[in-house]
Amino acid sequence: MEVGALSINEAQATLAAANRGLETLSAEGLARADAAAWLLLRHHLSRIASGLVDPWAGLEVIEAEVRWPYLVQLQMRSYPWRYACESHDYHHLYGLYVDYGDLTGRPHEVTWDGLYGEAAVAAWGRSVVAEARGWLQRHAEPVAAPDTAG
């Protein structure tokens, strides 16, 4: 299934439904969920890269809609030998997501590019935008779901 075959709303509904029916998901259901994950990552990362959403807000949406319900829950069933996020090249962005908590939770102790506090968070945001742009360049073409027939 090609990523472009789903709308954003269909992709969101697909991952939500897949997560609810995790134990009974068919190979076709997994392929559809995979296509939905690629589409939603591309959609949300393009919004971050273009400045339409704040980097933190965009990563929070990805966490709620894509990473947790699909990249973690479903992949543990399908690809237990892989790190969650690795199959969709999202691991660096997830690392940035985690780093935000340290920056804001300990603003006088944790630095980003040698900066503290609000300046560090702003620099972190620029790093997220740069990584989102890099991800979009690496994944410019829609990715077909893996062949699940074999």
C-alpha atoms as a PDB file:
ATOM      1  CA  MET A   1       0.000   0.000   0.000  1.00  0.00           C
ATOM      2  CA  GLU A   2       1.371   3.385  -0.897  1.00  0.00           C
ATOM      3  CA  VAL A   3       1.434   6.116   1.693  1.00  0.00           C
ATOM      4  CA  GLY A   4      -0.433   8.495  -0.607  1.00  0.00           C
ATOM      5  CA  ALA A   5      -3.421   6.140  -0.653  1.00  0.00           C
ATOM      6  CA  LEU A   6      -4.560   7.448   2.745  1.00  0.00           C
ATOM      7  CA  SER A   7      -5.725  10.882   3.802  1.00  0.00           C
ATOM      8  CA  ILE A   8      -4.438  12.373   7.053  1.00  0.00           C
ATOM      9  CA  ASN A   9      -7.761  11.617   8.779  1.00  0.00           C
ATOM     10  CA  GLU A  10      -7.746   8.044   7.453  1.00  0.00           C
ATOM     11  CA  ALA A  11      -4.164   7.592   8.635  1.00  0.00           C
ATOM     12  CA  GLN A  12      -5.030   8.824  12.127  1.00  0.00           C
ATOM     13  CA  ALA A  13      -8.067   6.537  12.290  1.00  0.00           C
ATOM     14  CA  THR A  14      -6.052   3.604  10.937  1.00  0.00           C
ATOM     15  CA  LEU A  15      -3.382   3.839  13.643  1.00  0.00           C
ATOM     16  CA  ALA A  16      -5.958   4.327  16.388  1.00  0.00           C
ATOM     17  CA  ALA A  17      -7.947   1.296  15.217  1.00  0.00           C
ATOM     18  CA  ALA A  18      -4.808  -0.782  14.750  1.00  0.00           C
ATOM     19  CA  ASN A  19      -3.702  -0.037  18.289  1.00  0.00           C
ATOM     20  CA  ARG A  20      -7.109  -1.067  19.691  1.00  0.00           C
ATOM     21  CA  GLY A  21      -7.013  -4.366  17.769  1.00  0.00           C
ATOM     22  CA  LEU A  22      -3.331  -5.028  18.260  1.00  0.00           C
ATOM     23  CA  GLU A  23      -3.580  -8.729  19.011  1.00  0.00           C
ATOM     24  CA  THR A  24      -5.807  -9.577  16.029  1.00  0.00           C
ATOM     25  CA  LEU A  25      -4.282  -7.336  13.360  1.00  0.00           C
ATOM     26  CA  SER A  26      -3.820  -9.069  10.020  1.00  0.00           C
ATOM     27  CA  ALA A  27      -0.834  -8.659   7.699  1.00  0.00           C
ATOM     28  CA  GLU A  28      -2.972  -6.309   5.579  1.00  0.00           C
ATOM     29  CA  GLY A  29      -3.858  -4.324   8.689  1.00  0.00           C
ATOM     30  CA  LEU A  30      -0.186  -4.046   9.619  1.00  0.00           C
ATOM     31  CA  ALA A  31       0.663  -2.853   6.097  1.00  0.00           C
ATOM     32  CA  ARG A  32      -2.080  -0.220   6.278  1.00  0.00           C
ATOM     33  CA  ALA A  33      -0.866   0.916   9.704  1.00  0.00           C
ATOM     34  CA  ASP A  34       2.683   1.153   8.370  1.00  0.00           C
ATOM     35  CA  ALA A  35       1.531   3.304   5.450  1.00  0.00           C
ATOM     36  CA  ALA A  36      -0.420   5.492   7.882  1.00  0.00           C
ATOM     37  CA  ALA A  37       2.658   5.948  10.065  1.00  0.00           C
ATOM     38  CA  TRP A  38       4.774   7.110   7.106  1.00  0.00           C
ATOM     39  CA  LEU A  39       2.069   9.519   5.984  1.00  0.00           C
ATOM     40  CA  LEU A  40       1.566  11.027   9.433  1.00  0.00           C
ATOM     41  CA  LEU A  41       5.303  11.379  10.024  1.00  0.00           C
ATOM     42  CA  ARG A  42       5.702  13.161   6.704  1.00  0.00           C
ATOM     43  CA  HIS A  43       2.686  15.395   7.428  1.00  0.00           C
ATOM     44  CA  HIS A  44       3.708  16.422  10.937  1.00  0.00           C
ATOM     45  CA  LEU A  45       7.410  16.799  10.139  1.00  0.00           C
ATOM     46  CA  SER A  46       6.603  19.009   7.158  1.00  0.00           C
ATOM     47  CA  ARG A  47       4.559  21.249   9.477  1.00  0.00           C
ATOM     48  CA  ILE A  48       7.537  21.481  11.859  1.00  0.00           C
ATOM     49  CA  ALA A  49      10.028  22.045   9.034  1.00  0.00           C
ATOM     50  CA  SER A  50       7.948  24.838   7.515  1.00  0.00           C
ATOM     51  CA  GLY A  51       7.355  26.597  10.841  1.00  0.00           C
ATOM     52  CA  LEU A  52       3.595  25.989  10.865  1.00  0.00           C
ATOM     53  CA  VAL A  53       3.845  24.478  14.351  1.00  0.00           C
ATOM     54  CA  ASP A  54       6.201  24.883  17.256  1.00  0.00           C
ATOM     55  CA  PRO A  55       8.824  22.083  17.234  1.00  0.00           C
ATOM     56  CA  TRP A  56       7.810  20.800  20.673  1.00  0.00           C
ATOM     57  CA  ALA A  57       4.095  20.856  19.864  1.00  0.00           C
ATOM     58  CA  GLY A  58       4.746  19.007  16.608  1.00  0.00           C
ATOM     59  CA  LEU A  59       6.826  16.323  18.298  1.00  0.00           C
ATOM     60  CA  GLU A  60       4.140  15.900  20.974  1.00  0.00           C
ATOM     61  CA  VAL A  61       1.555  15.216  18.268  1.00  0.00           C
ATOM     62  CA  ILE A  62       3.867  12.657  16.649  1.00  0.00           C
ATOM     63  CA  GLU A  63       4.365  11.015  20.039  1.00  0.00           C
ATOM     64  CA  ALA A  64       0.616  10.724  20.596  1.00  0.00           C
ATOM     65  CA  GLU A  65      -0.465   9.800  17.061  1.00  0.00           C
ATOM     66  CA  VAL A  66       2.438   7.853  15.614  1.00  0.00           C
ATOM     67  CA  ARG A  67       5.327   6.855  17.848  1.00  0.00           C
ATOM     68  CA  TRP A  68       3.465   5.379  20.782  1.00  0.00           C
ATOM     69  CA  PRO A  69       0.531   3.709  19.022  1.00  0.00           C
ATOM     70  CA  TYR A  70       2.506   2.427  16.056  1.00  0.00           C
ATOM     71  CA  LEU A  71       6.260   2.663  16.286  1.00  0.00           C
ATOM     72  CA  VAL A  72       6.254   1.179  19.785  1.00  0.00           C
ATOM     73  CA  GLN A  73       3.119  -0.921  20.230  1.00  0.00           C
ATOM     74  CA  LEU A  74       2.700  -2.438  16.785  1.00  0.00           C
ATOM     75  CA  GLN A  75       6.364  -2.795  15.995  1.00  0.00           C
ATOM     76  CA  MET A  76       6.976  -4.767  19.162  1.00  0.00           C
ATOM     77  CA  ARG A  77       4.693  -7.371  17.595  1.00  0.00           C
ATOM     78  CA  SER A  78       5.984  -7.114  14.024  1.00  0.00           C
ATOM     79  CA  TYR A  79       9.669  -6.295  14.409  1.00  0.00           C
ATOM     80  CA  PRO A  80      10.677  -7.138  18.003  1.00  0.00           C
ATOM     81  CA  TRP A  81      14.386  -7.102  17.118  1.00  0.00           C
ATOM     82  CA  ARG A  82      14.327  -3.431  16.076  1.00  0.00           C
ATOM     83  CA  TYR A  83      14.329  -0.358  18.211  1.00  0.00           C
ATOM     84  CA  ALA A  84      11.017   1.438  18.067  1.00  0.00           C
ATOM     85  CA  CYS A  85      11.370   4.306  15.591  1.00  0.00           C
ATOM     86  CA  GLU A  86      14.312   2.744  13.765  1.00  0.00           C
ATOM     87  CA  SER A  87      12.217   1.357  10.906  1.00  0.00           C
ATOM     88  CA  HIS A  88      10.913   4.840  10.096  1.00  0.00           C
ATOM     89  CA  ASP A  89      14.173   6.728  10.690  1.00  0.00           C
ATOM     90  CA  TYR A  90      12.567   8.626  13.556  1.00  0.00           C
ATOM     91  CA  HIS A  91      15.093   7.757  16.277  1.00  0.00           C
ATOM     92  CA  HIS A  92      17.037  11.049  16.105  1.00  0.00           C
ATOM     93  CA  LEU A  93      13.864  13.089  16.321  1.00  0.00           C
ATOM     94  CA  TYR A  94      12.692  10.978  19.245  1.00  0.00           C
ATOM     95  CA  GLY A  95      15.999  11.710  20.959  1.00  0.00           C
ATOM     96  CA  LEU A  96      15.316  15.415  20.498  1.00  0.00           C
ATOM     97  CA  TYR A  97      11.825  14.904  21.942  1.00  0.00           C
ATOM     98  CA  VAL A  98      13.338  13.358  25.071  1.00  0.00           C
ATOM     99  CA  ASP A  99      16.012  16.068  25.319  1.00  0.00           C
ATOM    100  CA  TYR A 100      13.339  18.765  25.624  1.00  0.00           C
ATOM    101  CA  GLY A 101      12.298  17.473  29.040  1.00  0.00           C
ATOM    102  CA  ASP A 102      15.846  17.814  30.327  1.00  0.00           C
ATOM    103  CA  LEU A 103      16.216  21.314  28.891  1.00  0.00           C
ATOM    104  CA  THR A 104      13.009  22.602  30.407  1.00  0.00           C
ATOM    105  CA  GLY A 105      13.155  20.553  33.589  1.00  0.00           C
ATOM    106  CA  ARG A 106      16.677  21.646  34.539  1.00  0.00           C
ATOM    107  CA  PRO A 107      17.252  24.905  32.646  1.00  0.00           C
ATOM    108  CA  HIS A 108      20.238  25.960  34.757  1.00  0.00           C
ATOM    109  CA  GLU A 109      22.028  22.605  34.484  1.00  0.00           C
ATOM    110  CA  VAL A 110      21.386  21.273  30.974  1.00  0.00           C
ATOM    111  CA  THR A 111      22.765  23.025  27.911  1.00  0.00           C
ATOM    112  CA  TRP A 112      22.122  22.942  24.203  1.00  0.00           C
ATOM    113  CA  ASP A 113      24.969  24.179  22.017  1.00  0.00           C
ATOM    114  CA  GLY A 114      26.505  25.726  25.132  1.00  0.00           C
ATOM    115  CA  LEU A 115      23.354  27.689  25.939  1.00  0.00           C
ATOM    116  CA  TYR A 116      21.063  27.584  28.971  1.00  0.00           C
ATOM    117  CA  GLY A 117      17.388  28.278  29.600  1.00  0.00           C
ATOM    118  CA  GLU A 118      15.286  29.946  26.911  1.00  0.00           C
ATOM    119  CA  ALA A 119      18.270  30.357  24.583  1.00  0.00           C
ATOM    120  CA  ALA A 120      18.928  26.606  24.827  1.00  0.00           C
ATOM    121  CA  VAL A 121      15.287  25.804  24.066  1.00  0.00           C
ATOM    122  CA  ALA A 122      15.375  28.108  21.028  1.00  0.00           C
ATOM    123  CA  ALA A 123      18.559  26.413  19.777  1.00  0.00           C
ATOM    124  CA  TRP A 124      16.971  23.015  20.415  1.00  0.00           C
ATOM    125  CA  GLY A 125      13.971  24.109  18.324  1.00  0.00           C
ATOM    126  CA  ARG A 126      16.277  25.012  15.444  1.00  0.00           C
ATOM    127  CA  SER A 127      17.852  21.554  15.746  1.00  0.00           C
ATOM    128  CA  VAL A 128      14.413  19.932  15.539  1.00  0.00           C
ATOM    129  CA  VAL A 129      13.546  21.953  12.437  1.00  0.00           C
ATOM    130  CA  ALA A 130      16.861  20.999  10.812  1.00  0.00           C
ATOM    131  CA  GLU A 131      16.363  17.314  11.636  1.00  0.00           C
ATOM    132  CA  ALA A 132      12.766  17.429  10.346  1.00  0.00           C
ATOM    133  CA  ARG A 133      14.009  18.937   7.083  1.00  0.00           C
ATOM    134  CA  GLY A 134      16.691  16.264   6.822  1.00  0.00           C
ATOM    135  CA  TRP A 135      14.134  13.520   7.423  1.00  0.00           C
ATOM    136  CA  LEU A 136      11.892  14.975   4.713  1.00  0.00           C
ATOM    137  CA  GLN A 137      14.807  15.079   2.270  1.00  0.00           C
ATOM    138  CA  ARG A 138      15.769  11.474   3.034  1.00  0.00           C
ATOM    139  CA  HIS A 139      12.150  10.355   2.638  1.00  0.00           C
ATOM    140  CA  ALA A 140      10.970  12.617  -0.170  1.00  0.00           C
ATOM    141  CA  GLU A 141       9.139   9.824  -1.946  1.00  0.00           C
ATOM    142  CA  PRO A 142       6.211   8.002  -0.379  1.00  0.00           C
ATOM    143  CA  VAL A 143       7.368   4.680   0.989  1.00  0.00           C
ATOM    144  CA  ALA A 144       5.457   1.537   0.115  1.00  0.00           C
ATOM    145  CA  ALA A 145       4.591  -0.728   3.026  1.00  0.00           C
ATOM    146  CA  PRO A 146       6.879  -3.745   3.373  1.00  0.00           C
ATOM    147  CA  ASP A 147       5.805  -6.940   1.662  1.00  0.00           C
ATOM    148  CA  THR A 148       4.025  -8.957   4.336  1.00  0.00           C
ATOM    149  CA  ALA A 149       3.150 -11.919   2.113  1.00  0.00           C
ATOM    150  CA  GLY A 150       6.330 -13.869   2.747  1.00  0.00           C
END
